[in-house]
C-alpha atoms as a PDB file:
ATOM      1  CA  MET A   1     -15.554   6.063   1.425  1.00  0.00           C
ATOM      2  CA  LYS A   2     -12.065   6.579   2.757  1.00  0.00           C
ATOM      3  CA  THR A   3      -9.082   5.494   0.585  1.00  0.00           C
ATOM      4  CA  ALA A   4      -5.868   3.692   1.397  1.00  0.00           C
ATOM      5  CA  ARG A   5      -3.007   3.959  -1.126  1.00  0.00           C
ATOM      6  CA  VAL A   6      -0.581   1.081  -0.756  1.00  0.00           C
ATOM      7  CA  PHE A   7       2.971   1.161  -2.096  1.00  0.00           C
ATOM      8  CA  ARG A   8       3.884  -2.416  -2.866  1.00  0.00           C
ATOM      9  CA  HIS A   9       7.529  -3.442  -3.667  1.00  0.00           C
ATOM     10  CA  LEU A  10       6.991  -7.232  -4.118  1.00  0.00           C
ATOM     11  CA  ALA A  11       3.872  -8.834  -5.448  1.00  0.00           C
ATOM     12  CA  PHE A  12       3.479 -11.464  -2.679  1.00  0.00           C
ATOM     13  CA  GLU A  13       4.257  -9.047   0.210  1.00  0.00           C
ATOM     14  CA  ASP A  14       0.741  -7.483   0.281  1.00  0.00           C
ATOM     15  CA  LEU A  15      -1.462  -6.222   3.059  1.00  0.00           C
ATOM     16  CA  GLY A  16      -2.147  -9.705   4.231  1.00  0.00           C
ATOM     17  CA  GLY A  17      -4.245  -9.724   7.375  1.00  0.00           C
ATOM     18  CA  PHE A  18      -4.374  -5.884   7.335  1.00  0.00           C
ATOM     19  CA  ALA A  19      -6.552  -5.843   4.257  1.00  0.00           C
ATOM     20  CA  GLY A  20      -9.588  -7.053   6.149  1.00  0.00           C
ATOM     21  CA  VAL A  21      -9.136  -4.509   8.946  1.00  0.00           C
ATOM     22  CA  LEU A  22      -8.933  -1.591   6.515  1.00  0.00           C
ATOM     23  CA  ALA A  23     -12.024  -2.865   4.651  1.00  0.00           C
ATOM     24  CA  GLU A  24     -13.758  -3.144   8.036  1.00  0.00           C
ATOM     25  CA  ARG A  25     -12.890   0.453   8.824  1.00  0.00           C
ATOM     26  CA  GLY A  26     -14.334   1.677   5.540  1.00  0.00           C
ATOM     27  CA  TYR A  27     -11.167   2.050   3.385  1.00  0.00           C
ATOM     28  CA  ALA A  28     -11.084   1.312  -0.360  1.00  0.00           C
ATOM     29  CA  ILE A  29      -7.603  -0.130  -1.046  1.00  0.00           C
ATOM     30  CA  ARG A  30      -5.613   0.957  -4.066  1.00  0.00           C
ATOM     31  CA  TYR A  31      -2.173  -0.633  -4.728  1.00  0.00           C
ATOM     32  CA  SER A  32       0.734   1.138  -6.536  1.00  0.00           C
ATOM     33  CA  GLU A  33       3.558  -1.106  -7.728  1.00  0.00           C
ATOM     34  CA  MET A  34       6.799   0.640  -6.948  1.00  0.00           C
ATOM     35  CA  GLY A  35       9.308   0.698  -9.768  1.00  0.00           C
ATOM     36  CA  VAL A  36       6.420   0.607 -12.236  1.00  0.00           C
ATOM     37  CA  ASP A  37       3.844   3.117 -10.991  1.00  0.00           C
ATOM     38  CA  ALA A  38       4.560   6.644  -9.948  1.00  0.00           C
ATOM     39  CA  PRO A  39       4.140   7.098  -6.203  1.00  0.00           C
ATOM     40  CA  LYS A  40       0.987   9.144  -5.425  1.00  0.00           C
ATOM     41  CA  ASP A  41       0.023  10.888  -2.305  1.00  0.00           C
ATOM     42  CA  ASP A  42      -3.777  10.889  -3.056  1.00  0.00           C
ATOM     43  CA  ALA A  43      -5.380   8.960  -0.206  1.00  0.00           C
ATOM     44  CA  ASP A  44      -6.646   9.260   3.389  1.00  0.00           C
ATOM     45  CA  LEU A  45      -4.067   6.626   4.461  1.00  0.00           C
ATOM     46  CA  LEU A  46      -0.741   5.726   2.903  1.00  0.00           C
ATOM     47  CA  VAL A  47       0.723   2.180   3.673  1.00  0.00           C
ATOM     48  CA  ILE A  48       4.240   1.359   2.578  1.00  0.00           C
ATOM     49  CA  LEU A  49       4.923  -2.355   2.426  1.00  0.00           C
ATOM     50  CA  GLY A  50       8.093  -4.551   2.660  1.00  0.00           C
ATOM     51  CA  GLY A  51      10.566  -5.802   0.127  1.00  0.00           C
ATOM     52  CA  PRO A  52      14.075  -7.191  -0.220  1.00  0.00           C
ATOM     53  CA  ILE A  53      15.893  -4.046  -1.348  1.00  0.00           C
ATOM     54  CA  GLY A  54      17.635  -1.524   0.800  1.00  0.00           C
ATOM     55  CA  ALA A  55      15.969   1.823   1.434  1.00  0.00           C
ATOM     56  CA  TYR A  56      19.315   3.482   0.547  1.00  0.00           C
ATOM     57  CA  GLN A  57      19.926   1.686  -2.740  1.00  0.00           C
ATOM     58  CA  ASP A  58      19.216   4.710  -4.997  1.00  0.00           C
ATOM     59  CA  ASP A  59      22.118   3.708  -7.280  1.00  0.00           C
ATOM     60  CA  LEU A  60      20.336   0.532  -8.240  1.00  0.00           C
ATOM     61  CA  TYR A  61      16.727   1.710  -7.830  1.00  0.00           C
ATOM     62  CA  PRO A  62      16.606   5.457  -8.691  1.00  0.00           C
ATOM     63  CA  TRP A  63      12.849   5.542  -8.191  1.00  0.00           C
ATOM     64  CA  LEU A  64      13.398   5.257  -4.394  1.00  0.00           C
ATOM     65  CA  LYS A  65      14.308   8.960  -4.373  1.00  0.00           C
ATOM     66  CA  GLU A  66      10.799   9.893  -5.662  1.00  0.00           C
ATOM     67  CA  GLU A  67       9.114   7.419  -3.323  1.00  0.00           C
ATOM     68  CA  THR A  68      11.045   8.768  -0.360  1.00  0.00           C
ATOM     69  CA  ALA A  69      10.213  12.363  -1.349  1.00  0.00           C
ATOM     70  CA  VAL A  70       6.492  11.572  -1.469  1.00  0.00           C
ATOM     71  CA  ILE A  71       6.690   9.899   1.929  1.00  0.00           C
ATOM     72  CA  ALA A  72       8.574  12.811   3.388  1.00  0.00           C
ATOM     73  CA  ALA A  73       6.143  15.342   2.112  1.00  0.00           C
ATOM     74  CA  ARG A  74       3.231  13.395   3.604  1.00  0.00           C
ATOM     75  CA  LEU A  75       4.941  13.055   6.985  1.00  0.00           C
ATOM     76  CA  ARG A  76       5.682  16.806   7.059  1.00  0.00           C
ATOM     77  CA  ALA A  77       2.017  17.424   6.479  1.00  0.00           C
ATOM     78  CA  GLY A  78       1.030  15.141   9.357  1.00  0.00           C
ATOM     79  CA  ARG A  79      -1.040  12.796   7.157  1.00  0.00           C
ATOM     80  CA  PRO A  80      -1.712   9.206   8.273  1.00  0.00           C
ATOM     81  CA  THR A  81       1.104   6.916   7.208  1.00  0.00           C
ATOM     82  CA  LEU A  82       1.911   3.328   8.028  1.00  0.00           C
ATOM     83  CA  GLY A  83       5.138   1.504   7.152  1.00  0.00           C
ATOM     84  CA  ILE A  84       6.087  -2.158   7.387  1.00  0.00           C
ATOM     85  CA  CYS A  85       9.668  -3.445   7.177  1.00  0.00           C
ATOM     86  CA  LEU A  86      11.129  -1.656   4.110  1.00  0.00           C
ATOM     87  CA  GLY A  87       8.256   0.777   4.529  1.00  0.00           C
ATOM     88  CA  ALA A  88       9.322   1.635   8.057  1.00  0.00           C
ATOM     89  CA  GLN A  89      12.878   2.123   6.852  1.00  0.00           C
ATOM     90  CA  LEU A  90      11.784   4.433   4.059  1.00  0.00           C
ATOM     91  CA  MET A  91       9.720   6.396   6.662  1.00  0.00           C
ATOM     92  CA  ALA A  92      12.771   6.649   8.841  1.00  0.00           C
ATOM     93  CA  ARG A  93      14.928   7.833   5.906  1.00  0.00           C
ATOM     94  CA  ALA A  94      12.240  10.350   4.940  1.00  0.00           C
ATOM     95  CA  LEU A  95      12.446  11.721   8.510  1.00  0.00           C
ATOM     96  CA  GLY A  96      16.214  12.213   8.178  1.00  0.00           C
ATOM     97  CA  SER A  97      17.442   8.993   9.797  1.00  0.00           C
ATOM     98  CA  LYS A  98      20.154   6.689   8.489  1.00  0.00           C
ATOM     99  CA  VAL A  99      19.237   3.157   7.284  1.00  0.00           C
ATOM    100  CA  TYR A 100      21.959   0.511   7.259  1.00  0.00           C
ATOM    101  CA  PRO A 101      22.742  -3.163   7.759  1.00  0.00           C
ATOM    102  CA  GLY A 102      21.799  -4.433  11.152  1.00  0.00           C
ATOM    103  CA  ARG A 103      23.807  -6.499  13.621  1.00  0.00           C
ATOM    104  CA  ALA A 104      22.229  -9.748  12.413  1.00  0.00           C
ATOM    105  CA  LYS A 105      19.639 -10.825   9.891  1.00  0.00           C
ATOM    106  CA  GLU A 106      16.285 -11.746  11.505  1.00  0.00           C
ATOM    107  CA  ILE A 107      14.144 -14.333   9.742  1.00  0.00           C
ATOM    108  CA  GLY A 108      11.567 -16.149  11.726  1.00  0.00           C
ATOM    109  CA  PHE A 109       9.197 -15.723  14.530  1.00  0.00           C
ATOM    110  CA  ALA A 110      10.288 -14.131  17.830  1.00  0.00           C
ATOM    111  CA  PRO A 111       8.587 -11.916  20.516  1.00  0.00           C
ATOM    112  CA  LEU A 112       9.124  -8.222  20.874  1.00  0.00           C
ATOM    113  CA  VAL A 113      10.451  -6.324  23.901  1.00  0.00           C
ATOM    114  CA  LEU A 114       7.936  -3.521  24.298  1.00  0.00           C
ATOM    115  CA  THR A 115       8.855  -0.114  25.747  1.00  0.00           C
ATOM    116  CA  GLN A 116       7.247   0.887  29.052  1.00  0.00           C
ATOM    117  CA  ASN A 117       3.667   2.315  29.065  1.00  0.00           C
ATOM    118  CA  ASN A 118       3.181   0.993  25.528  1.00  0.00           C
ATOM    119  CA  SER A 119      -0.615   0.758  25.112  1.00  0.00           C
ATOM    120  CA  LEU A 120      -0.581   0.744  21.373  1.00  0.00           C
ATOM    121  CA  LEU A 121       1.404  -2.555  20.989  1.00  0.00           C
ATOM    122  CA  GLU A 122       0.154  -4.195  24.163  1.00  0.00           C
ATOM    123  CA  PRO A 123      -1.791  -6.858  22.227  1.00  0.00           C
ATOM    124  CA  LEU A 124       1.569  -8.123  20.968  1.00  0.00           C
ATOM    125  CA  ARG A 125       3.236  -8.495  24.332  1.00  0.00           C
ATOM    126  CA  ASP A 126       4.746 -12.014  24.590  1.00  0.00           C
ATOM    127  CA  VAL A 127       3.452 -12.882  21.184  1.00  0.00           C
ATOM    128  CA  PRO A 128       5.964 -14.247  18.643  1.00  0.00           C
ATOM    129  CA  VAL A 129       5.785 -12.165  15.438  1.00  0.00           C
ATOM    130  CA  LEU A 130       7.335 -12.597  11.986  1.00  0.00           C
ATOM    131  CA  HIS A 131      10.729 -10.879  11.340  1.00  0.00           C
ATOM    132  CA  TRP A 132      12.254 -10.860   7.895  1.00  0.00           C
ATOM    133  CA  HIS A 133      14.999  -8.205   7.458  1.00  0.00           C
ATOM    134  CA  GLY A 134      18.684  -7.529   7.465  1.00  0.00           C
ATOM    135  CA  ASP A 135      18.704  -3.705   7.685  1.00  0.00           C
ATOM    136  CA  THR A 136      17.853  -1.393  10.536  1.00  0.00           C
ATOM    137  CA  PHE A 137      17.733   2.346  11.129  1.00  0.00           C
ATOM    138  CA  ASP A 138      18.267   5.064  13.722  1.00  0.00           C
ATOM    139  CA  LEU A 139      15.150   6.248  15.612  1.00  0.00           C
ATOM    140  CA  PRO A 140      13.896   9.410  13.843  1.00  0.00           C
ATOM    141  CA  ALA A 141      14.059  12.659  15.720  1.00  0.00           C
ATOM    142  CA  GLY A 142      10.748  13.238  17.499  1.00  0.00           C
ATOM    143  CA  ALA A 143       9.614   9.629  17.133  1.00  0.00           C
ATOM    144  CA  VAL A 144       8.519   7.439  20.078  1.00  0.00           C
ATOM    145  CA  HIS A 145      10.366   4.198  20.315  1.00  0.00           C
ATOM    146  CA  LEU A 146       7.845   1.275  20.799  1.00  0.00           C
ATOM    147  CA  ALA A 147       9.651  -2.023  20.539  1.00  0.00           C
ATOM    148  CA  ALA A 148      12.917  -3.891  20.121  1.00  0.00           C
ATOM    149  CA  THR A 149      14.493  -7.297  19.954  1.00  0.00           C
ATOM    150  CA  GLY A 150      17.852  -8.598  21.008  1.00  0.00           C
ATOM    151  CA  ASP A 151      19.287  -8.199  17.448  1.00  0.00           C
ATOM    152  CA  CYS A 152      17.420  -5.117  16.433  1.00  0.00           C
ATOM    153  CA  ASP A 153      16.798  -2.049  18.539  1.00  0.00           C
ATOM    154  CA  GLN A 154      14.257  -0.469  16.286  1.00  0.00           C
ATOM    155  CA  GLN A 155      11.215  -2.716  15.832  1.00  0.00           C
ATOM    156  CA  ALA A 156       8.470  -0.094  15.930  1.00  0.00           C
ATOM    157  CA  PHE A 157       8.022   3.699  16.258  1.00  0.00           C
ATOM    158  CA  ALA A 158       5.383   6.307  16.200  1.00  0.00           C
ATOM    159  CA  VAL A 159       5.395   9.915  15.171  1.00  0.00           C
ATOM    160  CA  ALA A 160       2.747  12.104  16.899  1.00  0.00           C
ATOM    161  CA  GLY A 161      -0.629  10.544  16.185  1.00  0.00           C
ATOM    162  CA  HIS A 162      -0.357  10.132  12.405  1.00  0.00           C
ATOM    163  CA  ALA A 163       2.624   7.824  11.618  1.00  0.00           C
ATOM    164  CA  LEU A 164       3.503   4.300  12.654  1.00  0.00           C
ATOM    165  CA  GLY A 165       6.324   2.134  11.511  1.00  0.00           C
ATOM    166  CA  PHE A 166       6.884  -1.629  12.079  1.00  0.00           C
ATOM    167  CA  GLN A 167      10.180  -3.270  11.301  1.00  0.00           C
ATOM    168  CA  PHE A 168       8.557  -6.689  11.869  1.00  0.00           C
ATOM    169  CA  HIS A 169       5.551  -8.067   9.854  1.00  0.00           C
ATOM    170  CA  PRO A 170       2.252  -7.803  11.856  1.00  0.00           C
ATOM    171  CA  GLU A 171       0.354  -8.173   8.594  1.00  0.00           C
ATOM    172  CA  ALA A 172       1.775 -11.585   7.780  1.00  0.00           C
ATOM    173  CA  GLN A 173      -0.592 -14.634   7.942  1.00  0.00           C
ATOM    174  CA  GLU A 174      -0.567 -18.251   7.095  1.00  0.00           C
ATOM    175  CA  THR A 175      -2.703 -17.786   4.009  1.00  0.00           C
ATOM    176  CA  GLY A 176      -0.258 -16.917   1.249  1.00  0.00           C
ATOM    177  CA  PHE A 177       2.819 -17.525   3.259  1.00  0.00           C
ATOM    178  CA  GLU A 178       3.960 -20.267   0.975  1.00  0.00           C
ATOM    179  CA  ARG A 179       4.598 -17.489  -1.594  1.00  0.00           C
ATOM    180  CA  TRP A 180       7.146 -15.936   0.810  1.00  0.00           C
ATOM    181  CA  LEU A 181       8.866 -19.291   1.036  1.00  0.00           C
ATOM    182  CA  ILE A 182       9.073 -19.566  -2.747  1.00  0.00           C
ATOM    183  CA  GLY A 183       9.959 -15.951  -3.497  1.00  0.00           C
ATOM    184  CA  HIS A 184      12.661 -15.641  -0.778  1.00  0.00           C
ATOM    185  CA  VAL A 185      14.190 -19.058  -1.349  1.00  0.00           C
ATOM    186  CA  CYS A 186      17.590 -17.645  -2.250  1.00  0.00           C
ATOM    187  CA  GLU A 187      17.813 -15.521   0.941  1.00  0.00           C
ATOM    188  CA  ILE A 188      16.580 -18.414   3.036  1.00  0.00           C
ATOM    189  CA  ASP A 189      19.311 -20.786   1.590  1.00  0.00           C
ATOM    190  CA  ALA A 190      21.931 -18.104   2.186  1.00  0.00           C
ATOM    191  CA  THR A 191      21.007 -17.528   5.851  1.00  0.00           C
ATOM    192  CA  PRO A 192      22.533 -20.018   8.343  1.00  0.00           C
ATOM    193  CA  GLY A 193      20.087 -21.752  10.583  1.00  0.00           C
ATOM    194  CA  VAL A 194      17.025 -20.800   8.451  1.00  0.00           C
ATOM    195  CA  THR A 195      15.151 -23.410   6.508  1.00  0.00           C
ATOM    196  CA  VAL A 196      11.910 -23.557   4.624  1.00  0.00           C
ATOM    197  CA  PRO A 197      10.374 -26.447   6.731  1.00  0.00           C
ATOM    198  CA  ASP A 198      11.240 -24.618   9.949  1.00  0.00           C
ATOM    199  CA  LEU A 199       9.676 -21.337   8.770  1.00  0.00           C
ATOM    200  CA  ARG A 200       6.577 -23.181   7.582  1.00  0.00           C
ATOM    201  CA  GLU A 201       6.274 -24.852  11.003  1.00  0.00           C
ATOM    202  CA  GLN A 202       6.773 -21.518  12.812  1.00  0.00           C
ATOM    203  CA  MET A 203       3.997 -20.003  10.823  1.00  0.00           C
ATOM    204  CA  ARG A 204       1.747 -22.991  11.614  1.00  0.00           C
ATOM    205  CA  ARG A 205       2.429 -22.547  15.342  1.00  0.00           C
ATOM    206  CA  HIS A 206       2.403 -18.820  15.711  1.00  0.00           C
ATOM    207  CA  GLY A 207       0.790 -17.251  12.652  1.00  0.00           C
ATOM    208  CA  ALA A 208      -2.836 -17.220  13.687  1.00  0.00           C
ATOM    209  CA  LEU A 209      -2.214 -15.543  17.033  1.00  0.00           C
ATOM    210  CA  ALA A 210       0.296 -13.121  15.578  1.00  0.00           C
ATOM    211  CA  SER A 211      -2.156 -12.119  12.840  1.00  0.00           C
ATOM    212  CA  GLU A 212      -5.040 -11.705  15.324  1.00  0.00           C
ATOM    213  CA  LYS A 213      -2.953  -9.514  17.658  1.00  0.00           C
ATOM    214  CA  GLY A 214      -1.417  -7.560  14.761  1.00  0.00           C
ATOM    215  CA  ALA A 215      -4.877  -6.726  13.519  1.00  0.00           C
ATOM    216  CA  ALA A 216      -5.817  -5.534  17.022  1.00  0.00           C
ATOM    217  CA  VAL A 217      -2.867  -3.160  17.049  1.00  0.00           C
ATOM    218  CA  LEU A 218      -3.915  -1.735  13.631  1.00  0.00           C
ATOM    219  CA  ARG A 219      -7.450  -1.182  14.898  1.00  0.00           C
ATOM    220  CA  ARG A 220      -6.093   0.682  17.914  1.00  0.00           C
ATOM    221  CA  TRP A 221      -3.972   2.953  15.763  1.00  0.00           C
ATOM    222  CA  LEU A 222      -6.721   3.592  13.170  1.00  0.00           C
ATOM    223  CA  ASP A 223      -9.180   4.459  16.012  1.00  0.00           C
ATOM    224  CA  GLY A 224      -6.728   7.046  17.252  1.00  0.00           C
ATOM    225  CA  LEU A 225      -6.257   8.866  13.946  1.00  0.00           C
ATOM    226  CA  THR A 226      -7.599  12.416  13.880  1.00  0.00           C
END
């Protein structure tokens, strides 16, 4: 059986809808809790999940250096790696790009602007997806730019056939979303125009389709791994 090592930074930001796809494709899932467990590069697939910290905050979270180093070594070796939100930012940092505060904080559902000839993300065309971030990054050298929004140029990128980074949250689903609304309440309260009832309603309206199409993208990528 293939294995997927998952670096998790926040208990309730898990694989969500991606867990079923990985199981369907024959992966045994093993979580590592960052800041507690040592990051290991010991699986067929590495998935780096999201979290509320900055990928550049080594002064506050010294273990980020080790995590980034593990990611960098894996990417240099061309081994399958998937990053979501903070995970994509850590991948960009590992590839030598700068991570920094974006033009605006994005919290809530909005569609992507896909790049031309973008077959990988085509299932998500015109589909509102969940955004939940304040930081962004420069496109890594050699990476292919896949998607943007009006407030964030870097929403997805790919490196060769082995690495994929999402700034948005294609793994998010309505099941368990209430945990996000509880765990991120301070950030929600501090962000003008963002409220718990509105986010809950957006997830009710858009979550099922976004989860379905996000799973379709993951299947396409996994099927293309060599």
